[in-house]
Amino acid sequence: MYWKKIFNKRNLIDVDIIKKINKVAEITLIFWLMKIIATTLGETLGDYLSMTLDLGYSIGLVITFIFFLIVLSIQLFTKKYIPVFYWLVIVATTTLGTEISDFLDRSLHLGYTIGSLLLFSCLVFTLLLWYKKFKNIEVYPIFEKNKEIFYWTAILFSNSLGTAFGDYLSDVVGLSFLNGAFVTAGIILIVVLLHYLTKINHIALFWIAFVFTRPFGATFGDFLTKPISKGGLDLGTLNSTIVSIVLITILIFVSHKKLNSQAVKD
């Protein structure tokens, strides 16, 4: 892998030590599966707070922002990668991203088009600042706190952007929730093919995939929760949220078990 080549070449620090002090998940197939489930959970939980409980987008934004700050603080002060803390932050960014997108559109009345452009600008600006400070935007491994802050800021904006784009597909373009999921899945498939068949920068492809897994999860979440008359399955936000929590809990357990097995081998 790229990061192993860098560290071996410069002899900065032993690769095994890097793995032990790394704070974030490695990019594997299970990472993307968990990311999609987390985005579905973020969509259904965000809608449950603001719509089902009728708290409104402003109150929902405050609640999810506080939750985000709490779990992010825990993650930042841990000394190594702990799956449950890492994925709690991912879930927090997807839930907060849902509230940010809805707040921009429905409370500030900016619309999903302008909201998407605004969030895209914030993401690009964050990545540019990250690159300016560290001369790269590698997403694995990360063990410096300043770099990790850029990492989570970029993830928050990318998840918010993905939410806004998913809503843009359904509300502006007029696609059904299922068709929207097919469109975003097609884009993700193209990114995967570009990764394996071309020499396009892998970091650029990562962020494209990361953004578009958000609307895929979001549109799938809408497909589960919205009424049948609107192209959904009408399972409700609570039932869909519970199912998503169960699924991601199982995968977090698997991640912990895999991590512990690797530690024993090392």
Protein backbone atom coordinates (compact mmCIF):
# COMPACT_ATOMS: atom_id res chain seq x y z
CA MET A 1 0.00 0.00 0.00
CA TYR A 2 1.02 3.61 -0.62
CA TRP A 3 1.41 4.58 3.03
CA LYS A 4 3.65 1.58 3.73
CA LYS A 5 5.93 2.58 0.86
CA ILE A 6 6.20 6.12 2.19
CA PHE A 7 7.12 5.09 5.72
CA ASN A 8 9.52 2.37 4.62
CA LYS A 9 11.25 4.70 2.19
CA ARG A 10 11.77 7.52 4.67
CA ASN A 11 12.49 5.23 7.63
CA LEU A 12 10.48 7.62 9.79
CA ILE A 13 8.88 5.05 12.02
CA ASP A 14 8.23 1.33 12.02
CA VAL A 15 5.10 0.25 10.14
CA ASP A 16 3.91 -1.90 13.07
CA ILE A 17 4.11 1.12 15.37
CA ILE A 18 2.13 3.19 12.86
CA LYS A 19 -0.63 0.58 12.86
CA LYS A 20 -0.76 0.64 16.65
CA ILE A 21 -1.06 4.43 16.97
CA ASN A 22 -3.32 4.89 13.95
CA LYS A 23 -6.71 6.44 14.85
CA VAL A 24 -8.92 5.69 11.83
CA ALA A 25 -10.37 2.73 9.94
CA GLU A 26 -8.47 1.16 7.07
CA ILE A 27 -10.24 1.45 3.71
CA THR A 28 -11.53 -2.05 3.01
CA LEU A 29 -14.74 -3.62 1.72
CA ILE A 30 -16.20 -3.79 5.23
CA PHE A 31 -15.42 -0.07 5.63
CA TRP A 32 -17.65 0.81 2.67
CA LEU A 33 -20.40 -1.54 3.84
CA MET A 34 -20.39 0.05 7.29
CA LYS A 35 -20.28 3.52 5.74
CA ILE A 36 -23.44 2.83 3.71
CA ILE A 37 -25.28 1.43 6.75
CA ALA A 38 -24.11 4.39 8.83
CA THR A 39 -25.44 6.82 6.23
CA THR A 40 -28.79 5.02 6.15
CA LEU A 41 -28.89 5.23 9.95
CA GLY A 42 -27.96 8.92 9.82
CA GLU A 43 -30.81 9.64 7.42
CA THR A 44 -33.48 7.71 9.32
CA LEU A 45 -32.34 8.90 12.77
CA GLY A 46 -32.15 12.53 11.59
CA ASP A 47 -35.66 12.32 10.14
CA TYR A 48 -36.88 10.60 13.32
CA LEU A 49 -35.66 13.51 15.46
CA SER A 50 -36.81 16.39 13.26
CA MET A 51 -39.97 14.94 11.67
CA THR A 52 -41.33 11.95 13.62
CA LEU A 53 -40.71 13.55 17.02
CA ASP A 54 -41.56 16.92 15.44
CA LEU A 55 -38.61 18.66 17.09
CA GLY A 56 -37.98 20.77 13.99
CA TYR A 57 -34.76 21.19 12.04
CA SER A 58 -33.23 23.80 14.37
CA ILE A 59 -33.66 21.67 17.52
CA GLY A 60 -32.61 18.56 15.63
CA LEU A 61 -29.48 20.38 14.48
CA VAL A 62 -28.60 21.36 18.06
CA ILE A 63 -29.14 17.83 19.41
CA THR A 64 -27.10 16.15 16.69
CA PHE A 65 -24.34 18.78 16.95
CA ILE A 66 -24.00 18.16 20.71
CA PHE A 67 -23.87 14.39 20.10
CA PHE A 68 -21.24 14.95 17.40
CA LEU A 69 -19.07 17.06 19.74
CA ILE A 70 -19.27 14.45 22.51
CA VAL A 71 -18.32 11.43 20.41
CA LEU A 72 -15.70 13.42 18.46
CA SER A 73 -14.05 14.49 21.72
CA ILE A 74 -13.87 10.86 22.84
CA GLN A 75 -12.40 9.84 19.47
CA LEU A 76 -9.81 12.63 19.46
CA PHE A 77 -8.51 11.73 22.92
CA THR A 78 -8.21 7.99 22.33
CA LYS A 79 -4.67 6.78 21.67
CA LYS A 80 -5.50 4.27 18.92
CA TYR A 81 -8.21 3.11 16.55
CA ILE A 82 -11.19 1.76 18.49
CA PRO A 83 -13.99 0.76 16.07
CA VAL A 84 -16.95 1.64 18.28
CA PHE A 85 -15.71 5.21 18.90
CA TYR A 86 -14.72 5.73 15.27
CA TRP A 87 -18.07 4.56 13.91
CA LEU A 88 -20.03 6.53 16.48
CA VAL A 89 -18.40 9.65 15.02
CA ILE A 90 -19.25 8.50 11.49
CA VAL A 91 -22.88 8.00 12.53
CA ALA A 92 -22.83 11.41 14.22
CA THR A 93 -21.56 13.09 11.05
CA THR A 94 -24.22 11.39 8.93
CA THR A 95 -26.99 12.37 11.36
CA LEU A 96 -25.68 15.92 11.74
CA GLY A 97 -25.18 16.07 7.97
CA THR A 98 -28.88 15.27 7.49
CA GLU A 99 -29.85 18.10 9.85
CA ILE A 100 -27.42 20.58 8.23
CA SER A 101 -28.75 19.82 4.76
CA ASP A 102 -32.39 20.08 5.85
CA PHE A 103 -31.66 23.27 7.82
CA LEU A 104 -30.07 24.93 4.77
CA ASP A 105 -32.96 23.94 2.54
CA ARG A 106 -36.05 24.14 4.73
CA SER A 107 -35.14 26.63 7.45
CA LEU A 108 -32.89 29.01 5.50
CA HIS A 109 -34.76 28.27 2.23
CA LEU A 110 -31.56 28.08 0.18
CA GLY A 111 -32.76 25.05 -1.77
CA TYR A 112 -30.85 21.84 -2.40
CA THR A 113 -29.01 23.23 -5.44
CA ILE A 114 -27.46 26.18 -3.61
CA GLY A 115 -27.06 24.08 -0.48
CA SER A 116 -25.13 21.43 -2.43
CA LEU A 117 -22.86 24.06 -3.99
CA LEU A 118 -22.22 25.66 -0.59
CA LEU A 119 -21.34 22.35 1.04
CA PHE A 120 -19.17 21.33 -1.94
CA SER A 121 -17.24 24.60 -1.54
CA CYS A 122 -16.76 23.92 2.18
CA LEU A 123 -15.45 20.41 1.45
CA VAL A 124 -13.00 21.60 -1.22
CA PHE A 125 -11.81 24.44 1.04
CA THR A 126 -11.21 21.98 3.91
CA LEU A 127 -9.23 19.62 1.67
CA LEU A 128 -7.15 22.52 0.33
CA LEU A 129 -6.29 23.67 3.86
CA TRP A 130 -5.47 20.08 4.80
CA TYR A 131 -3.16 19.72 1.80
CA LYS A 132 -1.52 23.10 2.43
CA LYS A 133 -0.61 22.13 5.99
CA PHE A 134 0.42 18.48 5.51
CA LYS A 135 1.26 18.32 1.75
CA ASN A 136 -1.07 15.35 1.35
CA ILE A 137 -4.65 14.36 2.14
CA GLU A 138 -4.04 10.67 2.80
CA VAL A 139 -6.88 9.18 4.84
CA TYR A 140 -4.93 6.25 6.29
CA PRO A 141 -3.07 6.08 8.58
CA ILE A 142 -3.83 9.14 10.72
CA PHE A 143 -2.26 9.58 14.14
CA GLU A 144 -1.68 13.35 14.40
CA LYS A 145 -4.50 15.21 16.16
CA ASN A 146 -4.38 18.25 13.86
CA LYS A 147 -4.65 16.05 10.78
CA GLU A 148 -7.48 14.08 12.40
CA ILE A 149 -9.44 17.30 12.92
CA PHE A 150 -9.15 18.04 9.18
CA TYR A 151 -10.19 14.43 8.50
CA TRP A 152 -13.40 14.70 10.54
CA THR A 153 -14.22 18.16 9.22
CA ALA A 154 -13.95 16.88 5.65
CA ILE A 155 -16.09 13.86 6.52
CA LEU A 156 -18.78 16.08 8.08
CA PHE A 157 -18.94 18.31 4.98
CA SER A 158 -18.88 15.32 2.62
CA ASN A 159 -21.75 13.64 4.47
CA SER A 160 -23.73 16.90 4.51
CA LEU A 161 -23.05 17.31 0.79
CA GLY A 162 -24.10 13.75 0.08
CA THR A 163 -27.38 14.32 1.92
CA ALA A 164 -28.10 17.51 -0.01
CA PHE A 165 -27.27 15.84 -3.33
CA GLY A 166 -29.50 12.86 -2.55
CA ASP A 167 -32.39 15.23 -1.78
CA TYR A 168 -31.54 17.16 -4.96
CA LEU A 169 -31.99 13.98 -7.01
CA SER A 170 -35.41 13.26 -5.49
CA ASP A 171 -36.84 16.76 -4.99
CA VAL A 172 -35.29 18.74 -7.87
CA VAL A 173 -34.55 16.13 -10.55
CA GLY A 174 -37.67 14.18 -9.63
CA LEU A 175 -36.18 10.69 -9.30
CA SER A 176 -37.90 8.17 -7.07
CA PHE A 177 -35.95 7.12 -3.99
CA LEU A 178 -35.13 3.74 -5.52
CA ASN A 179 -34.03 5.29 -8.83
CA GLY A 180 -31.91 7.79 -6.90
CA ALA A 181 -30.22 4.89 -5.14
CA PHE A 182 -29.56 3.24 -8.53
CA VAL A 183 -28.00 6.46 -9.89
CA THR A 184 -25.65 6.91 -6.93
CA ALA A 185 -24.82 3.18 -6.94
CA GLY A 186 -23.89 3.52 -10.62
CA ILE A 187 -21.57 6.42 -9.84
CA ILE A 188 -19.93 4.41 -7.05
CA LEU A 189 -19.45 1.48 -9.44
CA ILE A 190 -17.77 3.78 -11.96
CA VAL A 191 -15.42 5.06 -9.23
CA VAL A 192 -14.53 1.45 -8.29
CA LEU A 193 -13.75 0.64 -11.93
CA LEU A 194 -11.63 3.79 -12.28
CA HIS A 195 -9.72 2.77 -9.15
CA TYR A 196 -8.82 -0.67 -10.51
CA LEU A 197 -8.49 0.12 -14.22
CA THR A 198 -6.86 3.56 -14.29
CA LYS A 199 -4.12 5.50 -12.54
CA ILE A 200 -6.41 8.30 -11.38
CA ASN A 201 -5.38 9.61 -7.96
CA HIS A 202 -6.73 7.19 -5.34
CA ILE A 203 -7.37 9.95 -2.81
CA ALA A 204 -9.56 11.88 -5.26
CA LEU A 205 -11.49 8.69 -5.99
CA PHE A 206 -11.86 8.01 -2.25
CA TRP A 207 -13.53 11.37 -1.59
CA ILE A 208 -15.81 11.00 -4.62
CA ALA A 209 -16.87 7.57 -3.39
CA PHE A 210 -17.23 8.85 0.17
CA VAL A 211 -19.54 11.66 -0.94
CA PHE A 212 -21.71 9.43 -3.13
CA THR A 213 -22.10 6.63 -0.60
CA ARG A 214 -23.92 9.25 1.48
CA PRO A 215 -26.77 9.89 -0.99
CA PHE A 216 -26.88 6.16 -1.71
CA GLY A 217 -27.47 5.46 1.98
CA ALA A 218 -29.77 8.48 2.26
CA THR A 219 -31.97 7.54 -0.69
CA PHE A 220 -32.08 3.96 0.57
CA GLY A 221 -33.12 5.33 3.98
CA ASP A 222 -35.86 7.37 2.30
CA PHE A 223 -36.91 4.29 0.35
CA LEU A 224 -37.39 2.44 3.67
CA THR A 225 -39.23 5.23 5.50
CA LYS A 226 -41.30 7.19 2.98
CA PRO A 227 -44.94 6.37 2.13
CA ILE A 228 -45.72 3.90 -0.64
CA SER A 229 -47.41 6.73 -2.58
CA LYS A 230 -44.02 8.47 -2.75
CA GLY A 231 -42.11 5.37 -3.82
CA GLY A 232 -41.08 4.14 -0.35
CA LEU A 233 -41.78 1.04 1.74
CA ASP A 234 -43.42 2.99 4.59
CA LEU A 235 -41.50 1.19 7.35
CA GLY A 236 -41.27 4.38 9.37
CA THR A 237 -38.22 6.19 10.73
CA LEU A 238 -38.14 4.34 14.06
CA ASN A 239 -38.25 0.80 12.63
CA SER A 240 -35.69 1.66 9.93
CA THR A 241 -33.42 3.25 12.55
CA ILE A 242 -33.60 0.17 14.78
CA VAL A 243 -32.74 -2.15 11.88
CA SER A 244 -29.77 0.05 10.90
CA ILE A 245 -28.52 0.16 14.51
CA VAL A 246 -28.64 -3.64 14.76
CA LEU A 247 -26.75 -4.08 11.47
CA ILE A 248 -23.99 -1.59 12.26
CA THR A 249 -23.64 -2.97 15.81
CA ILE A 250 -22.99 -6.43 14.36
CA LEU A 251 -20.36 -5.03 11.97
CA ILE A 252 -18.68 -3.03 14.74
CA PHE A 253 -18.46 -6.25 16.78
CA VAL A 254 -16.89 -7.99 13.77
CA SER A 255 -14.40 -5.11 13.41
CA HIS A 256 -13.41 -5.33 17.08
CA LYS A 257 -12.96 -9.08 16.80
CA LYS A 258 -10.82 -8.72 13.67
CA LEU A 259 -8.73 -6.00 15.32
CA ASN A 260 -8.15 -8.14 18.41
CA SER A 261 -7.14 -11.11 16.24
CA GLN A 262 -4.57 -8.98 14.43
CA ALA A 263 -3.20 -7.72 17.77
CA VAL A 264 -2.72 -11.30 18.99
CA LYS A 265 -0.85 -12.22 15.78
CA ASP A 266 1.40 -9.17 16.10
